[in-house]
Amino acid sequence: MNDEDLIERNKEIVHLYVQHRLTLGEVGARFHLSRDQVGMILEKAGVSRRSRSAHRLTPQELAQRNQEIVRLYVEDGLTLREAGGRLGVSERQAWRVLETAGVSRRKPGTRRAPPQHLSP
């Protein structure tokens, strides 16, 4: 990754943390970085860390996130890792969401083919 790419990535990390209020772990999952690495990037950018309690999703936000995980897995055919990664949660947490929603798990690593649209 060149310097310009790193600068853009770091701006996006700050944006996700500050504007979208993602946790260090959620931001890290999107960029394949550890929480510590995200924390160092934020520190270098002069961003203050929030308290842990400030990260919690409201019940409505949690329900929306869980619905999106189910949609990505069932309708878009993403893997658990992909669906969770898009929303900053682990593969294991994505599975818990599906299990709670009563969604059957596909064979690990497999994708569901996207729906075919039939021409009239």
C-alpha atoms as a PDB file:
ATOM      1  CA  MET A   1       0.000   0.000   0.000  1.00  0.00           C
ATOM      2  CA  ASN A   2       1.491   3.350  -0.998  1.00  0.00           C
ATOM      3  CA  ASP A   3       1.402   6.497   1.151  1.00  0.00           C
ATOM      4  CA  GLU A   4      -1.651   7.950  -0.600  1.00  0.00           C
ATOM      5  CA  ASP A   5      -3.583   4.712  -0.069  1.00  0.00           C
ATOM      6  CA  LEU A   6      -2.611   4.674   3.625  1.00  0.00           C
ATOM      7  CA  ILE A   7      -3.737   8.270   4.041  1.00  0.00           C
ATOM      8  CA  GLU A   8      -7.107   7.514   2.432  1.00  0.00           C
ATOM      9  CA  ARG A   9      -7.526   4.332   4.488  1.00  0.00           C
ATOM     10  CA  ASN A  10      -6.734   6.198   7.702  1.00  0.00           C
ATOM     11  CA  LYS A  11      -9.226   8.958   6.833  1.00  0.00           C
ATOM     12  CA  GLU A  12     -11.882   6.293   6.296  1.00  0.00           C
ATOM     13  CA  ILE A  13     -10.973   4.675   9.641  1.00  0.00           C
ATOM     14  CA  VAL A  14     -11.395   8.007  11.431  1.00  0.00           C
ATOM     15  CA  HIS A  15     -14.678   8.642   9.589  1.00  0.00           C
ATOM     16  CA  LEU A  16     -16.119   5.237  10.541  1.00  0.00           C
ATOM     17  CA  TYR A  17     -15.088   5.615  14.171  1.00  0.00           C
ATOM     18  CA  VAL A  18     -16.193   9.233  14.618  1.00  0.00           C
ATOM     19  CA  GLN A  19     -19.164   9.659  12.276  1.00  0.00           C
ATOM     20  CA  HIS A  20     -20.595   6.137  12.210  1.00  0.00           C
ATOM     21  CA  ARG A  21     -19.587   5.365  15.808  1.00  0.00           C
ATOM     22  CA  LEU A  22     -18.179   1.942  14.979  1.00  0.00           C
ATOM     23  CA  THR A  23     -16.055   0.281  17.672  1.00  0.00           C
ATOM     24  CA  LEU A  24     -12.323  -0.310  17.281  1.00  0.00           C
ATOM     25  CA  GLY A  25     -13.075  -3.965  16.590  1.00  0.00           C
ATOM     26  CA  GLU A  26     -15.727  -3.166  13.989  1.00  0.00           C
ATOM     27  CA  VAL A  27     -13.416  -0.761  12.166  1.00  0.00           C
ATOM     28  CA  GLY A  28     -10.569  -3.255  12.400  1.00  0.00           C
ATOM     29  CA  ALA A  29     -12.709  -6.041  10.929  1.00  0.00           C
ATOM     30  CA  ARG A  30     -13.393  -3.924   7.851  1.00  0.00           C
ATOM     31  CA  PHE A  31      -9.701  -3.280   7.233  1.00  0.00           C
ATOM     32  CA  HIS A  32      -8.223  -6.535   8.584  1.00  0.00           C
ATOM     33  CA  LEU A  33      -6.534  -4.642  11.414  1.00  0.00           C
ATOM     34  CA  SER A  34      -6.373  -5.352  15.134  1.00  0.00           C
ATOM     35  CA  ARG A  35      -8.088  -3.122  17.685  1.00  0.00           C
ATOM     36  CA  ASP A  36      -4.643  -1.923  18.778  1.00  0.00           C
ATOM     37  CA  GLN A  37      -3.695  -0.946  15.222  1.00  0.00           C
ATOM     38  CA  VAL A  38      -6.933   1.009  14.807  1.00  0.00           C
ATOM     39  CA  GLY A  39      -6.334   2.676  18.179  1.00  0.00           C
ATOM     40  CA  MET A  40      -2.844   3.780  17.105  1.00  0.00           C
ATOM     41  CA  ILE A  41      -4.189   5.227  13.842  1.00  0.00           C
ATOM     42  CA  LEU A  42      -6.849   7.163  15.750  1.00  0.00           C
ATOM     43  CA  GLU A  43      -4.289   8.381  18.278  1.00  0.00           C
ATOM     44  CA  LYS A  44      -1.978   9.648  15.504  1.00  0.00           C
ATOM     45  CA  ALA A  45      -4.976  11.437  13.976  1.00  0.00           C
ATOM     46  CA  GLY A  46      -5.703  13.128  17.312  1.00  0.00           C
ATOM     47  CA  VAL A  47      -9.008  11.339  17.859  1.00  0.00           C
ATOM     48  CA  SER A  48     -10.013  10.692  21.465  1.00  0.00           C
ATOM     49  CA  ARG A  49     -11.213   7.205  22.295  1.00  0.00           C
ATOM     50  CA  ARG A  50     -14.764   6.752  23.537  1.00  0.00           C
ATOM     51  CA  SER A  51     -15.623   4.863  26.698  1.00  0.00           C
ATOM     52  CA  ARG A  52     -16.729   1.254  26.208  1.00  0.00           C
ATOM     53  CA  SER A  53     -20.314   2.055  27.197  1.00  0.00           C
ATOM     54  CA  ALA A  54     -20.524   4.641  24.397  1.00  0.00           C
ATOM     55  CA  HIS A  55     -20.137   1.838  21.818  1.00  0.00           C
ATOM     56  CA  ARG A  56     -23.305  -0.026  22.628  1.00  0.00           C
ATOM     57  CA  LEU A  57     -25.964  -0.119  19.938  1.00  0.00           C
ATOM     58  CA  THR A  58     -29.493   0.889  20.781  1.00  0.00           C
ATOM     59  CA  PRO A  59     -32.016  -1.965  20.586  1.00  0.00           C
ATOM     60  CA  GLN A  60     -33.279  -0.536  17.274  1.00  0.00           C
ATOM     61  CA  GLU A  61     -29.742  -0.302  15.826  1.00  0.00           C
ATOM     62  CA  LEU A  62     -29.011  -3.854  16.972  1.00  0.00           C
ATOM     63  CA  ALA A  63     -32.206  -5.164  15.343  1.00  0.00           C
ATOM     64  CA  GLN A  64     -31.353  -3.350  12.088  1.00  0.00           C
ATOM     65  CA  ARG A  65     -27.812  -4.745  12.099  1.00  0.00           C
ATOM     66  CA  ASN A  66     -29.074  -8.267  12.736  1.00  0.00           C
ATOM     67  CA  GLN A  67     -31.656  -7.992   9.948  1.00  0.00           C
ATOM     68  CA  GLU A  68     -28.912  -6.858   7.584  1.00  0.00           C
ATOM     69  CA  ILE A  69     -26.708  -9.832   8.522  1.00  0.00           C
ATOM     70  CA  VAL A  70     -29.598 -12.191   7.760  1.00  0.00           C
ATOM     71  CA  ARG A  71     -30.320 -10.412   4.472  1.00  0.00           C
ATOM     72  CA  LEU A  72     -26.680 -10.507   3.348  1.00  0.00           C
ATOM     73  CA  TYR A  73     -26.444 -14.214   4.147  1.00  0.00           C
ATOM     74  CA  VAL A  74     -29.823 -15.384   2.854  1.00  0.00           C
ATOM     75  CA  GLU A  75     -30.622 -13.048  -0.026  1.00  0.00           C
ATOM     76  CA  ASP A  76     -27.174 -11.964  -1.240  1.00  0.00           C
ATOM     77  CA  GLY A  77     -25.561 -15.351  -0.597  1.00  0.00           C
ATOM     78  CA  LEU A  78     -22.554 -13.986   1.300  1.00  0.00           C
ATOM     79  CA  THR A  79     -20.589 -16.246   3.622  1.00  0.00           C
ATOM     80  CA  LEU A  80     -20.797 -15.666   7.382  1.00  0.00           C
ATOM     81  CA  ARG A  81     -17.338 -14.076   7.309  1.00  0.00           C
ATOM     82  CA  GLU A  82     -18.329 -11.721   4.492  1.00  0.00           C
ATOM     83  CA  ALA A  83     -21.672 -10.753   6.023  1.00  0.00           C
ATOM     84  CA  GLY A  84     -20.119 -10.171   9.437  1.00  0.00           C
ATOM     85  CA  GLY A  85     -17.149  -8.301   7.979  1.00  0.00           C
ATOM     86  CA  ARG A  86     -19.420  -5.839   6.199  1.00  0.00           C
ATOM     87  CA  LEU A  87     -21.020  -4.956   9.512  1.00  0.00           C
ATOM     88  CA  GLY A  88     -17.957  -5.208  11.723  1.00  0.00           C
ATOM     89  CA  VAL A  89     -18.845  -8.394  13.583  1.00  0.00           C
ATOM     90  CA  SER A  90     -17.016 -11.694  13.768  1.00  0.00           C
ATOM     91  CA  GLU A  91     -18.042 -14.792  11.848  1.00  0.00           C
ATOM     92  CA  ARG A  92     -19.054 -16.352  15.163  1.00  0.00           C
ATOM     93  CA  GLN A  93     -21.286 -13.399  16.067  1.00  0.00           C
ATOM     94  CA  ALA A  94     -22.874 -13.475  12.590  1.00  0.00           C
ATOM     95  CA  TRP A  95     -23.638 -17.175  13.139  1.00  0.00           C
ATOM     96  CA  ARG A  96     -25.281 -16.395  16.499  1.00  0.00           C
ATOM     97  CA  VAL A  97     -27.491 -13.822  14.773  1.00  0.00           C
ATOM     98  CA  LEU A  98     -28.544 -16.368  12.132  1.00  0.00           C
ATOM     99  CA  GLU A  99     -29.135 -19.052  14.740  1.00  0.00           C
ATOM    100  CA  THR A 100     -31.331 -16.723  16.786  1.00  0.00           C
ATOM    101  CA  ALA A 101     -33.281 -15.832  13.639  1.00  0.00           C
ATOM    102  CA  GLY A 102     -33.822 -19.541  12.868  1.00  0.00           C
ATOM    103  CA  VAL A 103     -31.772 -19.456   9.667  1.00  0.00           C
ATOM    104  CA  SER A 104     -30.160 -22.755   8.647  1.00  0.00           C
ATOM    105  CA  ARG A 105     -26.455 -22.551   8.007  1.00  0.00           C
ATOM    106  CA  ARG A 106     -25.053 -23.538   4.630  1.00  0.00           C
ATOM    107  CA  LYS A 107     -21.987 -25.718   4.342  1.00  0.00           C
ATOM    108  CA  PRO A 108     -19.033 -23.591   5.592  1.00  0.00           C
ATOM    109  CA  GLY A 109     -17.469 -21.460   2.870  1.00  0.00           C
ATOM    110  CA  THR A 110     -20.269 -21.977   0.361  1.00  0.00           C
ATOM    111  CA  ARG A 111     -22.303 -19.244  -1.219  1.00  0.00           C
ATOM    112  CA  ARG A 112     -25.862 -19.296  -2.327  1.00  0.00           C
ATOM    113  CA  ALA A 113     -26.133 -18.375  -5.983  1.00  0.00           C
ATOM    114  CA  PRO A 114     -27.771 -14.973  -6.398  1.00  0.00           C
ATOM    115  CA  PRO A 115     -31.365 -15.189  -7.638  1.00  0.00           C
ATOM    116  CA  GLN A 116     -31.747 -15.446 -11.403  1.00  0.00           C
ATOM    117  CA  HIS A 117     -34.045 -12.850 -12.889  1.00  0.00           C
ATOM    118  CA  LEU A 118     -36.127 -14.356 -15.643  1.00  0.00           C
ATOM    119  CA  SER A 119     -36.771 -12.308 -18.747  1.00  0.00           C
ATOM    120  CA  PRO A 120     -40.430 -12.019 -19.795  1.00  0.00           C
END
